[in-house]
Amino acid sequence: MEAWVRVLLVVACLFPAMVECRVRHYKFNVVMRNTTRLCSSKPIVTVNGRFPGPTLYAREDDNVLVKVVNHVKYNVTIHWHGVRQLRTGWADGPAYITQCPIQPGQSYTYNFTITGQRGTLLYHAHILWLRATIHGGLVILPKRGIPYPFPKPDKEVVVILAEWWKSDTEAVISQAMKAGVAPNVSDAHTINGHPGPLSPCSSQGGGLKLQVDSGKTYLLRIINAALNEELFFKIAGHNLTVVEVDASYTKPFTIDTLLITPGQTTNVLLTADRKAGKYLIAASPFMDTPAVAVDNMTATATVHYSGTLTTSTTTLTKPTPQNATSVANKFINSLLSLNSKKYPAKVPLKIDHNLLFTVGLGVNPCSTCVNGSKVVADINNISFVMPTFALLQAHYFNISGVFTTDFPANPPITFNYSGNPPGTAPANMQTLNGTRLYKLPYNATVELVLQDTGIIAPENHPVHLHGFNFFQVGRGLGNFNPKKDPKKFNLVDPVERNTIGVPSGGWTAIRFTADNPGVWFLHCHLEVHTTWGLKMAFLVENGKGPNESIIPPPSDLPTC
């Protein structure tokens, strides 16, 4: 019996008579479909029977309505990753944070306006591990008549990177949680749903074939929708000009290898300036901690120049080493905001809240687990406990007992965070459990330093903040020094993002203004770490008057 979810999406202007805007209608049928990848056939949850799901297109200032009707056995939510959701937290999507999930047989309409944003984002399920197959691109075009701040491309192409498991992902994480150990890594990476022509079990058609004409320029909108892997991306024989990340324009720069973490997007210009032929596209994992296992399979696709015979030899690219930290840093350190008159970098200069959050892994006792213990993850030594009632609803309706607002601004114990030589790490690696939020007044400015810890092993952490964009003002290795490191901060043109990588054994400093009332999730976008508890939430209070307050909840808001 085929189970399915039907999703109806309509994009329209709030005031069509006043704003020139096309009305866009999308009908999604998210179906439980049998599909074959890597010599395995299994049912997966898909949008319109496709993996990845269809790309959605809208314009800046468009109003978006998404009606989701759930007919699968799983609870479902959809998160519009990177959409700021100004005062519309009800449409953000993380289960039990801003909404109770849409239960089987129930429906919910997401309703939000895209304000002050343009570029490439993504949508994905935000419950369980369903985003492994429920994900797709979200392209926000500029307002009509507003050009890109870079040369207009001849064509645009959405490229979605992801992971593939031969087995059911819900079974994978369920078994790991019962045993208290890390889950099995994926069996392959994919580019637009295919492992590519070099895979030992390539899918029909061999994967993505990007057809290009010599001399023309192509805008590649690259999305990392993988669950647990930071990925390098490169094209044999070609350089790429980066013009945008996370729907924020950057100062253009040219490079041969990109690093994109789960949840991040990167727009690049590809100029077809090589001789006719076929050139390999490669996506491979980045992990510079030897103790951490990754799926070391490379997903591939090809660039085909017009007039090239299908039998022509493909020009290969030299594989990027899995632990190529220098390659990753070269890309990260090249990112700067465009910071033009039209697109200024509004970096907070005066800070109201200075926060230091340690992020990492720990070990808690577990009598039913294989080794009598289980791996957990935490922020400031707190493993977040998911509530059974949505935090935003509890906050809005003043329902007590769901959460507390005593999340610590600093780690409870000071130690050598980035290393673990004898005598420097806590003797007790056990974390605390709790549903604790950090409260911010409306319009407060925040500097948040995210510090990796090496209690088990130092590791990269791509951290996503819902409801806000932020500026990465600093980054370094070792322990953050609050006296020396801020002197080197970039407060002029730092890159603006919604998801940022915390380097292995290092720290990242971000700044943002809390100008969006509601409850906003902060979590590692490696799904395994989120599952283990590396997450928390900010509670941003209402400001003055209705324009600075959360809008009332919709009448069809799901119940728990």
Protein backbone atom coordinates (compact mmCIF):
# COMPACT_ATOMS: atom_id res chain seq x y z
CA MET A 1 0.00 0.00 0.00
CA GLU A 2 1.44 3.36 -1.00
CA ALA A 3 1.46 6.03 1.69
CA TRP A 4 1.82 9.63 0.66
CA VAL A 5 1.85 13.24 1.72
CA ARG A 6 0.26 15.84 -0.50
CA VAL A 7 1.71 19.34 -0.29
CA LEU A 8 0.18 22.33 -2.06
CA LEU A 9 2.41 25.37 -2.32
CA VAL A 10 1.23 28.73 -3.61
CA VAL A 11 3.48 31.77 -3.90
CA ALA A 12 1.77 35.12 -4.30
CA CYS A 13 2.09 38.77 -3.36
CA LEU A 14 0.40 39.99 -0.20
CA PHE A 15 -0.66 43.08 -2.16
CA PRO A 16 -0.76 42.06 -5.85
CA ALA A 17 -2.34 45.35 -6.91
CA MET A 18 0.55 47.34 -5.44
CA VAL A 19 3.52 45.10 -6.23
CA GLU A 20 4.40 43.56 -9.56
CA CYS A 21 4.56 39.92 -8.69
CA ARG A 22 3.77 36.66 -10.39
CA VAL A 23 1.50 34.23 -8.58
CA ARG A 24 3.18 30.82 -8.45
CA HIS A 25 1.31 27.61 -7.77
CA TYR A 26 3.07 24.44 -6.70
CA LYS A 27 1.41 21.17 -5.93
CA PHE A 28 3.55 18.69 -4.07
CA ASN A 29 2.77 15.02 -3.71
CA VAL A 30 5.28 13.72 -1.20
CA VAL A 31 5.10 9.97 -1.76
CA MET A 32 6.53 6.86 -0.22
CA ARG A 33 8.27 5.60 -3.32
CA ASN A 34 10.38 2.57 -4.11
CA THR A 35 13.62 3.76 -5.65
CA THR A 36 16.91 2.16 -6.62
CA ARG A 37 20.29 3.64 -5.85
CA LEU A 38 23.57 1.78 -5.34
CA CYS A 39 22.06 -1.62 -6.18
CA SER A 40 19.44 -1.38 -3.43
CA SER A 41 15.70 -0.89 -3.64
CA LYS A 42 13.82 0.61 -0.73
CA PRO A 43 10.81 2.86 -0.10
CA ILE A 44 11.69 6.47 0.72
CA VAL A 45 9.62 9.55 1.49
CA THR A 46 9.90 11.95 -1.45
CA VAL A 47 8.35 15.14 -2.75
CA ASN A 48 6.38 14.38 -5.94
CA GLY A 49 8.14 11.05 -6.13
CA ARG A 50 11.46 12.77 -6.71
CA PHE A 51 14.78 12.66 -4.89
CA PRO A 52 15.70 15.42 -4.35
CA GLY A 53 12.39 17.28 -4.34
CA PRO A 54 11.44 19.92 -6.91
CA THR A 55 13.04 23.36 -6.70
CA LEU A 56 10.72 26.15 -5.52
CA TYR A 57 11.03 29.62 -7.04
CA ALA A 58 9.89 32.89 -5.49
CA ARG A 59 10.93 36.55 -5.49
CA GLU A 60 12.01 38.85 -2.71
CA ASP A 61 8.87 40.20 -0.96
CA ASP A 62 6.69 37.30 -2.14
CA ASN A 63 4.24 35.72 0.27
CA VAL A 64 4.55 31.94 0.44
CA LEU A 65 1.82 29.54 1.49
CA VAL A 66 2.49 25.84 1.81
CA LYS A 67 -0.32 23.44 2.60
CA VAL A 68 0.96 20.10 3.86
CA VAL A 69 -1.38 17.13 4.18
CA ASN A 70 0.26 14.18 5.90
CA HIS A 71 -0.66 10.64 4.86
CA VAL A 72 2.54 8.81 5.83
CA LYS A 73 3.18 6.86 9.01
CA TYR A 74 5.69 9.46 10.24
CA ASN A 75 5.00 12.83 11.79
CA VAL A 76 6.15 15.52 9.32
CA THR A 77 7.40 19.11 9.44
CA ILE A 78 9.10 21.25 6.79
CA HIS A 79 11.78 23.84 7.59
CA TRP A 80 12.56 26.66 5.16
CA HIS A 81 16.25 26.77 5.94
CA GLY A 82 17.61 30.31 6.02
CA VAL A 83 14.29 32.11 5.54
CA ARG A 84 14.26 34.70 8.31
CA GLN A 85 10.59 34.21 9.22
CA LEU A 86 10.16 37.74 10.57
CA ARG A 87 7.53 37.43 13.32
CA THR A 88 6.28 34.21 11.67
CA GLY A 89 8.01 31.57 13.76
CA TRP A 90 4.90 29.42 13.36
CA ALA A 91 6.12 28.71 9.81
CA ASP A 92 9.74 27.90 10.68
CA GLY A 93 9.19 24.17 10.96
CA PRO A 94 11.46 22.50 13.58
CA ALA A 95 9.33 19.94 15.41
CA TYR A 96 8.58 20.73 19.07
CA ILE A 97 10.44 24.05 18.80
CA THR A 98 8.07 26.26 16.80
CA GLN A 99 5.30 23.77 16.12
CA CYS A 100 3.94 20.41 17.06
CA PRO A 101 4.44 18.04 14.12
CA ILE A 102 1.84 17.36 11.46
CA GLN A 103 0.49 13.97 12.44
CA PRO A 104 -0.64 11.32 9.93
CA GLY A 105 -3.94 12.34 8.41
CA GLN A 106 -3.57 15.97 9.50
CA SER A 107 -2.63 19.15 7.59
CA TYR A 108 -0.98 22.51 8.15
CA THR A 109 -0.40 25.59 6.00
CA TYR A 110 2.98 27.35 6.29
CA ASN A 111 2.52 31.07 5.65
CA PHE A 112 5.46 33.48 5.51
CA THR A 113 6.83 36.42 3.54
CA ILE A 114 10.36 36.55 2.14
CA THR A 115 11.67 39.92 3.31
CA GLY A 116 15.02 41.42 2.34
CA GLN A 117 16.44 38.16 1.03
CA ARG A 118 17.41 36.90 -2.37
CA GLY A 119 19.57 33.96 -3.45
CA THR A 120 19.70 30.21 -2.86
CA LEU A 121 18.31 28.44 0.21
CA LEU A 122 16.77 25.02 0.79
CA TYR A 123 13.81 23.32 2.40
CA HIS A 124 13.93 20.05 4.30
CA ALA A 125 12.08 17.95 6.83
CA HIS A 126 12.91 18.94 10.41
CA ILE A 127 11.95 15.85 12.37
CA LEU A 128 13.66 12.49 12.84
CA TRP A 129 16.14 11.79 9.98
CA LEU A 130 13.55 12.42 7.26
CA ARG A 131 15.55 15.21 5.68
CA ALA A 132 17.76 12.49 4.20
CA THR A 133 15.21 12.32 1.37
CA ILE A 134 12.76 15.18 2.03
CA HIS A 135 14.71 18.18 0.77
CA GLY A 136 14.95 20.49 -2.20
CA GLY A 137 16.13 23.86 -3.45
CA LEU A 138 14.53 27.21 -2.67
CA VAL A 139 15.53 29.90 -5.18
CA ILE A 140 14.64 33.48 -4.26
CA LEU A 141 14.97 35.78 -7.26
CA PRO A 142 15.60 39.53 -6.86
CA LYS A 143 12.71 41.94 -7.23
CA ARG A 144 11.73 42.54 -10.85
CA GLY A 145 14.11 44.96 -12.54
CA ILE A 146 16.84 44.48 -9.93
CA PRO A 147 19.94 42.88 -11.51
CA TYR A 148 22.45 40.60 -9.84
CA PRO A 149 25.53 42.46 -8.55
CA PHE A 150 27.65 40.26 -10.85
CA PRO A 151 27.59 39.51 -14.60
CA LYS A 152 24.30 38.00 -15.67
CA PRO A 153 24.74 34.28 -16.37
CA ASP A 154 23.52 32.65 -19.56
CA LYS A 155 21.84 29.88 -17.55
CA GLU A 156 21.22 28.86 -13.94
CA VAL A 157 21.47 25.32 -12.58
CA VAL A 158 20.52 23.99 -9.12
CA VAL A 159 22.98 21.39 -7.81
CA ILE A 160 21.99 19.49 -4.65
CA LEU A 161 24.51 17.40 -2.73
CA ALA A 162 23.21 14.69 -0.40
CA GLU A 163 23.83 11.30 1.19
CA TRP A 164 22.36 7.88 0.52
CA TRP A 165 21.87 4.90 2.81
CA LYS A 166 21.06 1.44 1.48
CA SER A 167 19.03 0.82 4.64
CA ASP A 168 16.23 2.84 6.21
CA THR A 169 17.71 5.91 7.94
CA GLU A 170 15.17 5.77 10.77
CA ALA A 171 16.30 2.22 11.53
CA VAL A 172 19.95 3.30 11.36
CA ILE A 173 19.63 5.99 14.02
CA SER A 174 17.18 3.98 16.15
CA GLN A 175 19.60 1.06 16.41
CA ALA A 176 22.51 3.38 17.21
CA MET A 177 20.58 5.19 19.95
CA LYS A 178 19.62 1.90 21.59
CA ALA A 179 23.24 0.73 21.51
CA GLY A 180 24.64 4.10 22.61
CA VAL A 181 27.12 4.25 19.74
CA ALA A 182 27.60 6.23 16.53
CA PRO A 183 25.27 5.28 13.65
CA ASN A 184 26.50 3.72 10.44
CA VAL A 185 27.77 6.27 7.95
CA SER A 186 25.99 6.64 4.63
CA ASP A 187 26.77 4.35 1.71
CA ALA A 188 27.24 7.07 -0.90
CA HIS A 189 27.03 10.74 -1.68
CA THR A 190 24.80 12.01 -4.46
CA ILE A 191 24.62 14.95 -6.85
CA ASN A 192 21.03 15.74 -7.80
CA GLY A 193 20.01 12.31 -6.56
CA HIS A 194 22.65 10.20 -8.31
CA PRO A 195 26.02 8.83 -7.11
CA GLY A 196 27.44 9.42 -10.57
CA PRO A 197 29.19 7.56 -13.38
CA LEU A 198 32.16 6.45 -11.28
CA SER A 199 30.00 4.74 -8.65
CA PRO A 200 30.31 0.92 -8.49
CA CYS A 201 26.52 0.86 -8.94
CA SER A 202 25.76 3.94 -10.98
CA SER A 203 22.11 4.81 -11.44
CA GLN A 204 20.44 4.79 -14.83
CA GLY A 205 21.76 7.57 -17.07
CA GLY A 206 24.99 7.93 -15.11
CA GLY A 207 23.93 10.97 -13.11
CA LEU A 208 23.90 14.71 -13.74
CA LYS A 209 25.22 15.86 -17.14
CA LEU A 210 25.67 19.63 -17.23
CA GLN A 211 25.50 20.68 -20.88
CA VAL A 212 27.47 23.87 -21.62
CA ASP A 213 28.31 25.96 -24.67
CA SER A 214 31.84 27.22 -25.09
CA GLY A 215 32.26 30.82 -23.97
CA LYS A 216 29.03 31.00 -21.94
CA THR A 217 28.70 31.52 -18.19
CA TYR A 218 26.57 29.41 -15.84
CA LEU A 219 25.33 30.20 -12.33
CA LEU A 220 25.51 27.04 -10.22
CA ARG A 221 23.31 27.19 -7.13
CA ILE A 222 24.98 24.52 -4.96
CA ILE A 223 23.20 23.18 -1.87
CA ASN A 224 24.53 20.73 0.71
CA ALA A 225 21.49 18.77 1.90
CA ALA A 226 23.58 15.93 3.39
CA LEU A 227 22.78 14.75 6.90
CA ASN A 228 26.26 14.37 8.36
CA GLU A 229 28.95 15.30 5.86
CA GLU A 230 30.79 18.51 5.05
CA LEU A 231 31.63 18.29 1.36
CA PHE A 232 34.27 19.56 -1.03
CA PHE A 233 33.05 20.46 -4.53
CA LYS A 234 35.18 20.94 -7.64
CA ILE A 235 35.09 20.64 -11.43
CA ALA A 236 38.06 19.24 -13.33
CA GLY A 237 40.01 21.88 -15.24
CA HIS A 238 37.78 24.78 -14.18
CA ASN A 239 37.84 27.54 -11.61
CA LEU A 240 34.68 28.76 -9.90
CA THR A 241 33.84 32.38 -9.02
CA VAL A 242 31.98 32.58 -5.71
CA VAL A 243 29.30 35.33 -5.65
CA GLU A 244 26.94 34.32 -2.84
CA VAL A 245 26.62 32.08 0.21
CA ASP A 246 23.47 31.38 2.23
CA ALA A 247 21.47 33.90 0.14
CA SER A 248 23.91 36.74 0.92
CA TYR A 249 26.11 38.30 -1.76
CA THR A 250 29.88 38.07 -1.33
CA LYS A 251 32.86 39.86 -2.78
CA PRO A 252 33.56 37.71 -5.84
CA PHE A 253 36.65 35.52 -5.72
CA THR A 254 37.88 32.67 -7.87
CA ILE A 255 38.89 29.30 -6.47
CA ASP A 256 39.07 25.67 -7.63
CA THR A 257 37.55 23.90 -4.60
CA LEU A 258 34.54 24.81 -2.46
CA LEU A 259 33.69 23.62 1.05
CA ILE A 260 29.97 23.43 1.81
CA THR A 261 28.67 22.14 5.12
CA PRO A 262 25.19 20.63 5.61
CA GLY A 263 22.61 23.41 5.36
CA GLN A 264 24.90 25.81 3.55
CA THR A 265 24.48 27.05 -0.01
CA THR A 266 27.05 28.53 -2.39
CA ASN A 267 26.41 30.26 -5.72
CA VAL A 268 29.26 30.22 -8.21
CA LEU A 269 29.83 31.35 -11.78
CA LEU A 270 31.23 28.69 -14.08
CA THR A 271 32.67 29.93 -17.36
CA ALA A 272 32.92 27.33 -20.11
CA ASP A 273 36.42 28.41 -21.16
CA ARG A 274 38.06 25.04 -21.82
CA LYS A 275 38.33 23.03 -25.01
CA ALA A 276 35.44 20.80 -25.97
CA GLY A 277 35.19 17.64 -23.92
CA LYS A 278 33.78 16.10 -20.76
CA TYR A 279 34.96 17.23 -17.32
CA LEU A 280 34.31 15.48 -14.02
CA ILE A 281 32.35 17.15 -11.20
CA ALA A 282 33.26 15.72 -7.79
CA ALA A 283 31.77 16.03 -4.28
CA SER A 284 33.76 14.35 -1.50
CA PRO A 285 33.80 14.52 2.33
CA PHE A 286 35.91 16.76 4.54
CA MET A 287 36.88 15.51 7.99
CA ASP A 288 40.21 16.34 9.60
CA THR A 289 39.69 14.30 12.78
CA PRO A 290 41.11 10.79 12.20
CA ALA A 291 38.98 9.23 14.96
CA VAL A 292 35.70 10.17 13.25
CA ALA A 293 34.35 7.87 10.54
CA VAL A 294 32.85 9.33 7.37
CA ASP A 295 31.41 8.03 4.14
CA ASN A 296 34.50 8.31 1.96
CA MET A 297 32.66 7.80 -1.34
CA THR A 298 32.94 10.55 -3.97
CA ALA A 299 29.80 11.57 -5.83
CA THR A 300 30.44 12.49 -9.46
CA ALA A 301 28.75 14.18 -12.40
CA THR A 302 30.03 15.61 -15.68
CA VAL A 303 30.23 18.90 -17.56
CA HIS A 304 29.59 18.26 -21.28
CA TYR A 305 30.68 20.84 -23.85
CA SER A 306 28.47 21.11 -26.91
CA GLY A 307 29.69 18.97 -29.78
CA THR A 308 31.47 16.48 -27.53
CA LEU A 309 30.96 12.84 -28.40
CA THR A 310 29.47 10.71 -25.64
CA THR A 311 32.36 8.30 -26.13
CA SER A 312 34.94 10.99 -25.37
CA THR A 313 37.24 10.45 -22.42
CA THR A 314 36.28 12.38 -19.28
CA THR A 315 38.91 14.71 -17.87
CA LEU A 316 39.28 13.70 -14.23
CA THR A 317 40.00 15.90 -11.23
CA LYS A 318 42.61 15.12 -8.61
CA PRO A 319 40.78 13.87 -5.49
CA THR A 320 40.69 16.29 -2.57
CA PRO A 321 42.10 14.52 0.51
CA GLN A 322 39.50 13.91 3.20
CA ASN A 323 41.63 15.74 5.79
CA ALA A 324 42.58 18.69 3.55
CA THR A 325 42.26 21.40 6.22
CA SER A 326 44.33 23.86 4.19
CA VAL A 327 41.94 23.55 1.24
CA ALA A 328 38.96 24.12 3.54
CA ASN A 329 40.59 27.14 5.19
CA LYS A 330 41.53 28.69 1.85
CA PHE A 331 37.87 28.76 0.87
CA ILE A 332 36.54 29.88 4.26
CA ASN A 333 39.11 32.65 4.66
CA SER A 334 38.28 34.05 1.20
CA LEU A 335 34.64 34.74 2.09
CA LEU A 336 33.72 38.40 2.64
CA SER A 337 30.42 40.25 2.47
CA LEU A 338 29.84 42.33 -0.64
CA ASN A 339 29.27 45.33 1.66
CA SER A 340 28.18 47.68 -1.11
CA LYS A 341 25.99 50.76 -0.82
CA LYS A 342 22.99 48.71 -1.89
CA TYR A 343 23.92 45.61 0.13
CA PRO A 344 25.71 46.89 3.26
CA ALA A 345 27.13 44.64 5.97
CA LYS A 346 25.28 45.83 9.07
CA VAL A 347 27.60 44.33 11.67
CA PRO A 348 26.62 45.07 15.29
CA LEU A 349 29.40 47.16 16.81
CA LYS A 350 28.11 47.60 20.36
CA ILE A 351 27.35 44.28 22.05
CA ASP A 352 24.72 43.71 24.74
CA HIS A 353 25.27 39.98 25.31
CA ASN A 354 28.69 38.30 25.14
CA LEU A 355 28.20 34.54 25.05
CA LEU A 356 30.65 31.63 24.97
CA PHE A 357 29.11 28.28 24.00
CA THR A 358 31.23 25.13 24.05
CA VAL A 359 30.06 22.56 21.51
CA GLY A 360 31.14 18.96 21.44
CA LEU A 361 30.60 15.36 22.50
CA GLY A 362 30.52 13.60 25.84
CA VAL A 363 29.70 10.29 27.46
CA ASN A 364 26.78 9.53 29.79
CA PRO A 365 26.03 6.29 31.65
CA CYS A 366 23.48 3.98 30.02
CA SER A 367 22.64 0.67 31.69
CA THR A 368 20.90 -0.70 28.58
CA CYS A 369 23.63 0.27 26.12
CA VAL A 370 26.36 -1.98 24.74
CA ASN A 371 29.25 -0.56 26.78
CA GLY A 372 27.22 0.67 29.75
CA SER A 373 27.49 4.19 28.35
CA LYS A 374 26.26 6.27 25.44
CA VAL A 375 27.69 9.04 23.32
CA VAL A 376 25.95 12.39 23.80
CA ALA A 377 26.47 15.90 22.49
CA ASP A 378 26.03 19.19 24.29
CA ILE A 379 26.28 22.96 24.38
CA ASN A 380 27.82 24.35 27.58
CA ASN A 381 27.61 20.84 29.05
CA ILE A 382 23.83 20.63 28.53
CA SER A 383 22.36 17.94 26.32
CA PHE A 384 19.10 19.43 25.11
CA VAL A 385 15.97 17.44 25.88
CA MET A 386 13.30 17.80 23.22
CA PRO A 387 9.98 18.75 24.82
CA THR A 388 6.69 17.05 24.02
CA PHE A 389 4.98 20.40 23.48
CA ALA A 390 6.20 23.13 21.10
CA LEU A 391 8.33 25.77 22.82
CA LEU A 392 6.91 28.68 20.81
CA GLN A 393 3.37 27.70 21.71
CA ALA A 394 4.33 27.34 25.37
CA HIS A 395 5.94 30.79 25.30
CA TYR A 396 3.09 32.49 23.44
CA PHE A 397 0.36 31.03 25.64
CA ASN A 398 2.39 31.29 28.88
CA ILE A 399 2.27 27.55 29.55
CA SER A 400 4.63 26.72 32.41
CA GLY A 401 6.70 23.60 32.91
CA VAL A 402 7.77 23.15 29.28
CA PHE A 403 11.13 24.97 29.48
CA THR A 404 13.27 27.21 31.65
CA THR A 405 15.19 30.35 30.64
CA ASP A 406 18.39 29.69 32.56
CA PHE A 407 20.67 28.48 29.76
CA PRO A 408 24.20 29.48 30.84
CA ALA A 409 25.99 32.27 28.98
CA ASN A 410 29.33 30.52 29.59
CA PRO A 411 30.49 26.93 30.13
CA PRO A 412 30.06 25.86 33.77
CA ILE A 413 33.63 24.53 34.00
CA THR A 414 36.72 26.16 32.52
CA PHE A 415 39.24 23.73 31.04
CA ASN A 416 41.43 23.28 27.97
CA TYR A 417 38.50 23.09 25.58
CA SER A 418 40.31 22.43 22.33
CA GLY A 419 42.60 19.64 23.56
CA ASN A 420 42.63 16.80 26.00
CA PRO A 421 46.09 16.38 27.53
CA PRO A 422 46.14 14.69 30.95
CA GLY A 423 44.76 16.80 33.76
CA THR A 424 43.09 19.44 31.60
CA ALA A 425 39.70 17.89 30.80
CA PRO A 426 36.96 17.34 33.40
CA ALA A 427 37.28 14.01 35.16
CA ASN A 428 33.54 13.57 34.77
CA MET A 429 32.48 13.69 31.12
CA GLN A 430 28.80 13.33 31.97
CA THR A 431 26.54 16.10 30.67
CA LEU A 432 23.43 17.63 32.20
CA ASN A 433 20.04 17.20 30.57
CA GLY A 434 17.47 19.94 30.22
CA THR A 435 15.19 22.06 28.06
CA ARG A 436 16.82 25.38 28.85
CA LEU A 437 16.55 28.54 26.73
CA TYR A 438 18.53 31.78 26.71
CA LYS A 439 16.31 34.89 26.87
CA LEU A 440 17.12 37.98 24.80
CA PRO A 441 15.31 41.34 24.82
CA TYR A 442 14.03 42.52 21.45
CA ASN A 443 16.76 44.23 19.39
CA ALA A 444 19.57 43.13 21.72
CA THR A 445 22.93 42.68 20.04
CA VAL A 446 24.75 39.40 20.54
CA GLU A 447 28.30 38.19 20.16
CA LEU A 448 28.41 34.40 20.33
CA VAL A 449 31.68 32.47 20.37
CA LEU A 450 31.24 28.81 19.47
CA GLN A 451 34.13 26.81 20.92
CA ASP A 452 34.82 23.22 19.87
CA THR A 453 35.77 20.79 22.64
CA GLY A 454 37.97 17.72 22.51
CA ILE A 455 36.59 15.63 25.36
CA ILE A 456 36.19 12.65 23.02
CA ALA A 457 37.82 14.14 19.93
CA PRO A 458 37.89 17.61 18.37
CA GLU A 459 35.51 17.76 15.44
CA ASN A 460 33.98 20.17 12.94
CA HIS A 461 30.48 21.41 13.77
CA PRO A 462 28.33 23.27 11.21
CA VAL A 463 25.99 25.28 13.46
CA HIS A 464 22.68 26.68 12.16
CA LEU A 465 20.77 29.54 13.77
CA HIS A 466 17.09 29.76 12.88
CA GLY A 467 15.35 33.12 12.45
CA PHE A 468 18.47 35.22 11.84
CA ASN A 469 21.41 35.87 9.60
CA PHE A 470 24.67 36.54 11.40
CA PHE A 471 28.17 37.78 10.62
CA GLN A 472 31.25 35.62 11.17
CA VAL A 473 33.61 38.19 12.69
CA GLY A 474 36.39 35.85 13.76
CA ARG A 475 37.72 32.33 13.62
CA GLY A 476 40.76 30.53 15.00
CA LEU A 477 42.35 27.41 16.39
CA GLY A 478 42.82 26.54 20.04
CA ASN A 479 40.93 28.18 22.87
CA PHE A 480 39.26 31.55 22.29
CA ASN A 481 41.13 34.35 24.06
CA PRO A 482 38.63 37.09 25.02
CA LYS A 483 41.41 39.67 25.44
CA LYS A 484 43.50 39.06 22.32
CA ASP A 485 41.24 37.50 19.67
CA PRO A 486 38.59 40.27 19.43
CA LYS A 487 41.32 42.70 18.40
CA LYS A 488 41.59 40.76 15.14
CA PHE A 489 37.85 40.66 14.41
CA ASN A 490 36.62 41.79 11.01
CA LEU A 491 33.85 44.29 11.74
CA VAL A 492 33.82 45.83 8.25
CA ASP A 493 32.90 43.16 5.72
CA PRO A 494 32.64 39.73 7.45
CA VAL A 495 30.71 37.05 5.62
CA GLU A 496 26.98 36.89 6.39
CA ARG A 497 25.49 33.41 6.84
CA ASN A 498 22.83 31.32 8.57
CA THR A 499 25.03 28.22 9.04
CA ILE A 500 28.68 28.35 10.06
CA GLY A 501 31.42 25.79 10.57
CA VAL A 502 33.17 25.60 13.94
CA PRO A 503 36.66 24.31 13.10
CA SER A 504 38.01 21.15 14.64
CA GLY A 505 39.85 22.15 17.81
CA GLY A 506 38.99 25.81 17.32
CA TRP A 507 36.35 28.52 17.58
CA THR A 508 34.10 30.76 15.53
CA ALA A 509 32.72 34.15 16.62
CA ILE A 510 29.44 35.46 15.20
CA ARG A 511 27.37 38.61 15.77
CA PHE A 512 23.66 39.25 15.19
CA THR A 513 20.84 41.52 16.27
CA ALA A 514 17.87 39.87 17.98
CA ASP A 515 15.27 41.76 15.94
CA ASN A 516 12.93 38.80 15.40
CA PRO A 517 10.65 37.88 18.34
CA GLY A 518 9.98 34.20 18.97
CA VAL A 519 11.76 30.98 19.88
CA TRP A 520 14.69 30.20 17.59
CA PHE A 521 16.60 26.94 17.39
CA LEU A 522 20.43 26.80 17.42
CA HIS A 523 21.87 23.39 16.61
CA CYS A 524 24.61 21.46 14.87
CA HIS A 525 23.50 20.62 11.34
CA LEU A 526 25.18 17.24 11.51
CA GLU A 527 22.01 15.30 12.21
CA VAL A 528 23.77 12.76 14.40
CA HIS A 529 24.98 15.52 16.74
CA THR A 530 21.54 17.12 16.88
CA THR A 531 20.06 13.74 17.77
CA TRP A 532 22.61 13.38 20.56
CA GLY A 533 21.66 16.76 22.06
CA LEU A 534 23.88 19.45 20.49
CA LYS A 535 21.11 22.06 20.38
CA MET A 536 19.48 24.86 22.35
CA ALA A 537 17.10 27.74 21.64
CA PHE A 538 16.96 31.51 22.08
CA LEU A 539 13.79 33.13 23.35
CA VAL A 540 13.56 36.64 21.89
CA GLU A 541 10.97 38.78 23.63
CA ASN A 542 8.47 41.05 21.89
CA GLY A 543 9.41 44.66 21.34
CA LYS A 544 7.08 47.62 21.39
CA GLY A 545 3.79 47.35 19.55
CA PRO A 546 2.43 44.81 17.07
CA ASN A 547 5.15 45.35 14.45
CA GLU A 548 7.75 44.09 16.92
CA SER A 549 5.67 41.21 18.27
CA ILE A 550 4.95 37.63 17.28
CA ILE A 551 1.88 37.40 15.09
CA PRO A 552 -0.98 35.27 16.48
CA PRO A 553 -0.77 31.56 15.63
CA PRO A 554 -2.73 30.29 12.64
CA SER A 555 -5.98 28.46 13.27
CA ASP A 556 -4.67 25.18 11.83
CA LEU A 557 -1.52 25.06 13.94
CA PRO A 558 -0.91 21.37 14.75
CA THR A 559 -1.51 20.12 18.26
CA CYS A 560 0.70 17.72 20.18
